[in-house]
N, C-alpha and C. Protein backbone atom coordinates (compact mmCIF):
# COMPACT_ATOMS: atom_id res chain seq x y z
N UNK A 1 36.72 190.65 -98.70
CA UNK A 1 36.84 189.57 -99.65
C UNK A 1 38.30 189.28 -99.90
N UNK A 2 38.52 188.08 -100.34
CA UNK A 2 39.88 187.68 -100.64
C UNK A 2 40.21 188.05 -102.09
N UNK A 3 41.48 187.96 -102.41
CA UNK A 3 41.91 188.26 -103.77
C UNK A 3 41.27 187.30 -104.76
N UNK A 4 41.12 186.05 -104.37
CA UNK A 4 40.51 185.07 -105.26
C UNK A 4 39.05 185.39 -105.49
N UNK A 5 38.35 185.80 -104.46
CA UNK A 5 36.95 186.16 -104.58
C UNK A 5 36.76 187.35 -105.49
N UNK A 6 37.65 188.31 -105.44
CA UNK A 6 37.58 189.49 -106.29
C UNK A 6 37.80 189.12 -107.75
N UNK A 7 38.75 188.23 -107.98
CA UNK A 7 39.03 187.81 -109.35
C UNK A 7 37.83 187.07 -109.93
N UNK A 8 37.21 186.24 -109.14
CA UNK A 8 36.05 185.51 -109.64
C UNK A 8 34.93 186.45 -110.00
N UNK A 9 34.72 187.46 -109.17
CA UNK A 9 33.66 188.42 -109.43
C UNK A 9 33.99 189.22 -110.69
N UNK A 10 35.24 189.66 -110.84
CA UNK A 10 35.65 190.42 -112.01
C UNK A 10 35.54 189.57 -113.26
N UNK A 11 35.96 188.32 -113.17
CA UNK A 11 35.90 187.40 -114.30
C UNK A 11 34.45 187.17 -114.71
N UNK A 12 33.58 186.98 -113.75
CA UNK A 12 32.16 186.76 -114.02
C UNK A 12 31.57 187.99 -114.69
N UNK A 13 31.97 189.17 -114.25
CA UNK A 13 31.47 190.42 -114.81
C UNK A 13 31.92 190.57 -116.27
N UNK A 14 33.16 190.18 -116.57
CA UNK A 14 33.69 190.29 -117.92
C UNK A 14 32.93 189.37 -118.87
N UNK A 15 32.63 188.15 -118.41
CA UNK A 15 31.89 187.21 -119.27
C UNK A 15 30.48 187.71 -119.55
N UNK A 16 29.85 188.31 -118.57
CA UNK A 16 28.51 188.85 -118.76
C UNK A 16 28.55 189.97 -119.78
N UNK A 17 29.56 190.82 -119.72
CA UNK A 17 29.67 191.94 -120.66
C UNK A 17 29.87 191.45 -122.09
N UNK A 18 30.61 190.35 -122.29
CA UNK A 18 30.84 189.83 -123.62
C UNK A 18 29.56 189.30 -124.26
N UNK A 19 28.66 188.80 -123.46
CA UNK A 19 27.43 188.23 -123.98
C UNK A 19 26.34 189.27 -124.16
N UNK A 20 26.51 190.44 -123.58
CA UNK A 20 25.49 191.48 -123.65
C UNK A 20 25.68 192.33 -124.89
N UNK A 21 24.66 192.45 -125.72
CA UNK A 21 24.72 193.30 -126.91
C UNK A 21 23.69 194.41 -126.76
N UNK A 22 24.15 195.63 -126.70
CA UNK A 22 23.20 196.72 -126.66
C UNK A 22 22.88 197.16 -128.08
N UNK A 23 21.97 198.08 -128.23
CA UNK A 23 21.53 198.48 -129.57
C UNK A 23 22.65 199.12 -130.39
N UNK A 24 23.57 199.84 -129.76
CA UNK A 24 24.65 200.47 -130.52
C UNK A 24 25.61 199.42 -131.07
N UNK A 25 25.85 198.34 -130.33
CA UNK A 25 26.71 197.26 -130.80
C UNK A 25 26.04 196.54 -131.96
N UNK A 26 24.75 196.26 -131.87
CA UNK A 26 24.00 195.59 -132.93
C UNK A 26 23.99 196.44 -134.19
N UNK A 27 23.74 197.73 -134.06
CA UNK A 27 23.72 198.62 -135.22
C UNK A 27 25.08 198.69 -135.89
N UNK A 28 26.13 198.58 -135.12
CA UNK A 28 27.48 198.65 -135.67
C UNK A 28 27.81 197.37 -136.43
N UNK A 29 27.36 196.21 -135.96
CA UNK A 29 27.70 194.93 -136.59
C UNK A 29 26.76 194.56 -137.72
N UNK A 30 25.55 195.08 -137.76
CA UNK A 30 24.58 194.71 -138.77
C UNK A 30 25.08 194.98 -140.19
N UNK A 31 25.62 196.17 -140.51
CA UNK A 31 26.13 196.38 -141.88
C UNK A 31 27.25 195.40 -142.25
N UNK A 32 28.11 195.08 -141.31
CA UNK A 32 29.19 194.13 -141.57
C UNK A 32 28.62 192.75 -141.88
N UNK A 33 27.67 192.30 -141.08
CA UNK A 33 27.08 190.98 -141.28
C UNK A 33 26.32 190.90 -142.60
N UNK A 34 25.60 191.97 -142.94
CA UNK A 34 24.88 191.99 -144.21
C UNK A 34 25.86 191.97 -145.39
N UNK A 35 26.93 192.72 -145.29
CA UNK A 35 27.96 192.74 -146.34
C UNK A 35 28.61 191.37 -146.48
N UNK A 36 28.90 190.74 -145.38
CA UNK A 36 29.50 189.41 -145.41
C UNK A 36 28.56 188.39 -146.07
N UNK A 37 27.28 188.44 -145.71
CA UNK A 37 26.30 187.51 -146.29
C UNK A 37 26.15 187.75 -147.79
N UNK A 38 26.07 189.01 -148.20
CA UNK A 38 25.93 189.35 -149.62
C UNK A 38 27.16 188.93 -150.42
N UNK A 39 28.34 189.12 -149.87
CA UNK A 39 29.57 188.72 -150.54
C UNK A 39 29.64 187.20 -150.70
N UNK A 40 29.25 186.47 -149.68
CA UNK A 40 29.25 185.01 -149.75
C UNK A 40 28.28 184.52 -150.80
N UNK A 41 27.09 185.08 -150.84
CA UNK A 41 26.07 184.68 -151.81
C UNK A 41 26.53 185.00 -153.23
N UNK A 42 27.07 186.18 -153.44
CA UNK A 42 27.55 186.58 -154.77
C UNK A 42 28.67 185.67 -155.24
N UNK A 43 29.58 185.32 -154.38
CA UNK A 43 30.69 184.43 -154.74
C UNK A 43 30.16 183.06 -155.14
N UNK A 44 29.18 182.55 -154.44
CA UNK A 44 28.61 181.24 -154.76
C UNK A 44 27.92 181.27 -156.12
N UNK A 45 27.17 182.32 -156.39
CA UNK A 45 26.46 182.44 -157.67
C UNK A 45 27.45 182.56 -158.82
N UNK A 46 28.45 183.41 -158.67
CA UNK A 46 29.44 183.59 -159.73
C UNK A 46 30.22 182.30 -159.98
N UNK A 47 30.51 181.56 -158.94
CA UNK A 47 31.23 180.30 -159.09
C UNK A 47 30.42 179.32 -159.94
N UNK A 48 29.12 179.22 -159.66
CA UNK A 48 28.26 178.33 -160.44
C UNK A 48 28.17 178.79 -161.89
N UNK A 49 28.08 180.10 -162.13
CA UNK A 49 27.99 180.65 -163.48
C UNK A 49 29.26 180.36 -164.26
N UNK A 50 30.41 180.56 -163.64
CA UNK A 50 31.68 180.31 -164.30
C UNK A 50 31.81 178.83 -164.64
N UNK A 51 31.43 177.95 -163.73
CA UNK A 51 31.47 176.51 -163.98
C UNK A 51 30.56 176.13 -165.15
N UNK A 52 29.36 176.71 -165.19
CA UNK A 52 28.41 176.41 -166.26
C UNK A 52 28.94 176.91 -167.61
N UNK A 53 29.52 178.10 -167.63
CA UNK A 53 30.04 178.65 -168.88
C UNK A 53 31.26 177.90 -169.37
N UNK A 54 32.01 177.28 -168.48
CA UNK A 54 33.18 176.50 -168.88
C UNK A 54 32.77 175.28 -169.70
N UNK A 55 31.52 174.85 -169.55
CA UNK A 55 31.01 173.70 -170.30
C UNK A 55 30.44 174.10 -171.66
N UNK A 56 30.56 175.38 -172.03
CA UNK A 56 30.03 175.88 -173.29
C UNK A 56 31.14 175.99 -174.33
N UNK A 57 30.74 175.90 -175.59
CA UNK A 57 31.71 176.05 -176.67
C UNK A 57 32.13 177.52 -176.79
N UNK A 58 33.21 177.75 -177.50
CA UNK A 58 33.73 179.11 -177.68
C UNK A 58 33.14 179.81 -178.89
N UNK A 59 32.42 179.10 -179.73
CA UNK A 59 31.88 179.71 -180.94
C UNK A 59 30.37 179.95 -180.80
N UNK A 60 29.92 181.01 -181.46
CA UNK A 60 28.51 181.38 -181.42
C UNK A 60 27.72 180.54 -182.41
N UNK A 61 26.59 180.05 -181.96
CA UNK A 61 25.70 179.25 -182.82
C UNK A 61 24.51 180.13 -183.22
N UNK A 62 24.40 180.51 -184.52
CA UNK A 62 23.27 181.35 -184.95
C UNK A 62 22.12 180.52 -185.52
N UNK A 63 20.92 181.04 -185.40
CA UNK A 63 19.75 180.48 -186.08
C UNK A 63 18.71 181.58 -186.24
N UNK A 64 17.78 181.36 -187.14
CA UNK A 64 16.74 182.36 -187.37
C UNK A 64 15.53 182.01 -186.52
N UNK A 65 15.15 182.96 -185.69
CA UNK A 65 14.02 182.74 -184.78
C UNK A 65 12.68 182.97 -185.45
N UNK A 66 12.68 183.71 -186.54
CA UNK A 66 11.43 183.97 -187.25
C UNK A 66 11.68 184.73 -188.53
N UNK A 67 10.81 184.51 -189.49
CA UNK A 67 10.95 185.13 -190.81
C UNK A 67 10.53 186.58 -190.82
N UNK A 68 10.36 187.10 -192.03
CA UNK A 68 10.03 188.52 -192.22
C UNK A 68 8.69 188.87 -191.60
N UNK A 69 8.75 189.76 -190.63
CA UNK A 69 7.55 190.26 -189.95
C UNK A 69 7.75 191.73 -189.65
N UNK A 70 6.67 192.41 -189.30
CA UNK A 70 6.75 193.81 -188.90
C UNK A 70 6.75 193.89 -187.37
N UNK A 71 7.49 194.86 -186.86
CA UNK A 71 7.47 195.19 -185.42
C UNK A 71 7.72 194.00 -184.51
N UNK A 72 8.91 193.47 -184.57
CA UNK A 72 9.26 192.36 -183.68
C UNK A 72 9.27 192.81 -182.23
N UNK A 73 9.82 194.01 -181.96
CA UNK A 73 9.90 194.50 -180.59
C UNK A 73 10.59 193.50 -179.69
N UNK A 74 10.07 193.28 -178.49
CA UNK A 74 10.63 192.33 -177.55
C UNK A 74 10.27 190.88 -177.87
N UNK A 75 9.40 190.69 -178.86
CA UNK A 75 8.97 189.34 -179.22
C UNK A 75 10.10 188.49 -179.76
N UNK A 76 11.07 189.11 -180.43
CA UNK A 76 12.21 188.37 -180.97
C UNK A 76 13.04 187.76 -179.83
N UNK A 77 13.36 188.55 -178.84
CA UNK A 77 14.17 188.06 -177.72
C UNK A 77 13.47 186.91 -177.01
N UNK A 78 12.17 187.03 -176.79
CA UNK A 78 11.43 185.97 -176.11
C UNK A 78 11.37 184.71 -176.96
N UNK A 79 11.19 184.87 -178.26
CA UNK A 79 11.16 183.70 -179.14
C UNK A 79 12.49 182.96 -179.10
N UNK A 80 13.59 183.70 -179.12
CA UNK A 80 14.92 183.07 -179.06
C UNK A 80 15.12 182.32 -177.75
N UNK A 81 14.69 182.92 -176.65
CA UNK A 81 14.81 182.25 -175.35
C UNK A 81 13.99 180.96 -175.33
N UNK A 82 12.81 181.01 -175.92
CA UNK A 82 11.95 179.82 -175.95
C UNK A 82 12.56 178.70 -176.80
N UNK A 83 13.27 179.06 -177.87
CA UNK A 83 13.86 178.07 -178.77
C UNK A 83 15.24 177.60 -178.31
N UNK A 84 15.84 178.25 -177.34
CA UNK A 84 17.21 177.97 -176.92
C UNK A 84 17.42 176.52 -176.49
N UNK A 85 16.46 175.91 -175.83
CA UNK A 85 16.58 174.53 -175.40
C UNK A 85 16.70 173.56 -176.57
N UNK A 86 15.95 173.83 -177.63
CA UNK A 86 15.99 172.98 -178.83
C UNK A 86 17.32 173.13 -179.56
N UNK A 87 17.99 174.25 -179.35
CA UNK A 87 19.26 174.52 -180.03
C UNK A 87 20.46 174.07 -179.20
N UNK A 88 20.21 173.44 -178.05
CA UNK A 88 21.27 172.94 -177.16
C UNK A 88 22.13 174.08 -176.59
N UNK A 89 21.51 175.19 -176.27
CA UNK A 89 22.22 176.38 -175.77
C UNK A 89 22.55 176.25 -174.29
N UNK A 90 23.66 176.82 -173.90
CA UNK A 90 24.01 176.95 -172.49
C UNK A 90 23.13 178.02 -171.87
N UNK A 91 22.73 177.83 -170.65
CA UNK A 91 21.87 178.78 -169.95
C UNK A 91 22.52 180.16 -169.87
N UNK A 92 21.74 181.18 -170.15
CA UNK A 92 22.21 182.55 -170.02
C UNK A 92 23.07 183.06 -171.15
N UNK A 93 23.21 182.31 -172.25
CA UNK A 93 24.07 182.76 -173.35
C UNK A 93 23.28 183.14 -174.59
N UNK A 94 21.96 183.13 -174.51
CA UNK A 94 21.12 183.42 -175.68
C UNK A 94 21.01 184.92 -175.91
N UNK A 95 21.10 185.31 -177.18
CA UNK A 95 20.95 186.70 -177.57
C UNK A 95 20.12 186.80 -178.84
N UNK A 96 19.71 188.00 -179.19
CA UNK A 96 18.89 188.18 -180.39
C UNK A 96 19.05 189.58 -180.95
N UNK A 97 18.68 189.71 -182.21
CA UNK A 97 18.59 191.02 -182.86
C UNK A 97 17.66 190.89 -184.05
N UNK A 98 17.12 192.01 -184.51
CA UNK A 98 16.28 192.00 -185.71
C UNK A 98 17.11 192.53 -186.87
N UNK A 99 16.88 191.96 -188.05
CA UNK A 99 17.66 192.30 -189.24
C UNK A 99 16.71 192.53 -190.40
N UNK A 100 16.86 193.67 -191.03
CA UNK A 100 15.99 194.03 -192.16
C UNK A 100 16.49 193.54 -193.50
N UNK A 101 17.71 193.05 -193.58
CA UNK A 101 18.21 192.60 -194.89
C UNK A 101 17.52 191.31 -195.29
N UNK A 102 17.19 191.20 -196.55
CA UNK A 102 16.52 190.00 -197.04
C UNK A 102 15.00 190.11 -197.00
N UNK A 103 14.48 191.17 -196.47
CA UNK A 103 13.03 191.38 -196.42
C UNK A 103 12.69 192.66 -197.18
N UNK A 104 11.43 192.80 -197.54
CA UNK A 104 11.02 194.05 -198.17
C UNK A 104 11.05 195.16 -197.12
N UNK A 105 11.09 196.40 -197.57
CA UNK A 105 11.22 197.54 -196.67
C UNK A 105 10.13 197.52 -195.59
N UNK A 106 10.57 197.70 -194.31
CA UNK A 106 9.65 197.74 -193.19
C UNK A 106 9.44 196.39 -192.51
N UNK A 107 10.00 195.34 -193.07
CA UNK A 107 9.88 194.01 -192.49
C UNK A 107 11.25 193.57 -192.00
N UNK A 108 11.27 192.70 -190.99
CA UNK A 108 12.55 192.26 -190.40
C UNK A 108 12.48 190.79 -190.01
N UNK A 109 13.64 190.16 -189.95
CA UNK A 109 13.72 188.78 -189.43
C UNK A 109 14.25 188.82 -188.00
N UNK A 110 13.93 187.80 -187.27
CA UNK A 110 14.42 187.65 -185.90
C UNK A 110 15.62 186.72 -185.95
N UNK A 111 16.78 187.21 -185.56
CA UNK A 111 18.01 186.43 -185.58
C UNK A 111 18.44 186.10 -184.15
N UNK A 112 18.73 184.85 -183.91
CA UNK A 112 19.09 184.37 -182.58
C UNK A 112 20.52 183.82 -182.59
N UNK A 113 21.12 183.78 -181.41
CA UNK A 113 22.43 183.15 -181.26
C UNK A 113 22.61 182.73 -179.81
N UNK A 114 23.54 181.79 -179.61
CA UNK A 114 23.90 181.35 -178.28
C UNK A 114 25.21 180.59 -178.35
N UNK A 115 25.70 180.22 -177.19
CA UNK A 115 26.86 179.34 -177.11
C UNK A 115 26.35 177.97 -176.69
N UNK A 116 26.70 176.96 -177.47
CA UNK A 116 26.16 175.62 -177.24
C UNK A 116 27.00 174.83 -176.26
N UNK A 117 26.41 173.78 -175.74
CA UNK A 117 27.10 172.89 -174.79
C UNK A 117 28.15 172.08 -175.56
N UNK A 118 29.28 171.84 -174.92
CA UNK A 118 30.38 171.09 -175.54
C UNK A 118 30.01 169.62 -175.67
């Protein structure tokens, strides 16, 4: 064979090797690709969250989610989330707590708060 023929054969062999992925190469790249995809997704979600929160006011808006009752448990948090739209709250900024002051012993009120849209 001529020198040119040898180069063509070697060049062809190199291109074939670049396109061939064996299982060890795939296993090595899979964690990297998964990490890259997860990082990209997380960055996109955080960017949207930061943009949404920038449209919210800096002060907390309180309201009472419910009067004196016994054993609010998780019901207070759910009630506040349900009422958040009526209070013009920014998404993801609603919070709640139960407060026993102002009620007779053993009873509590549901107190809600959020950051409102500007």
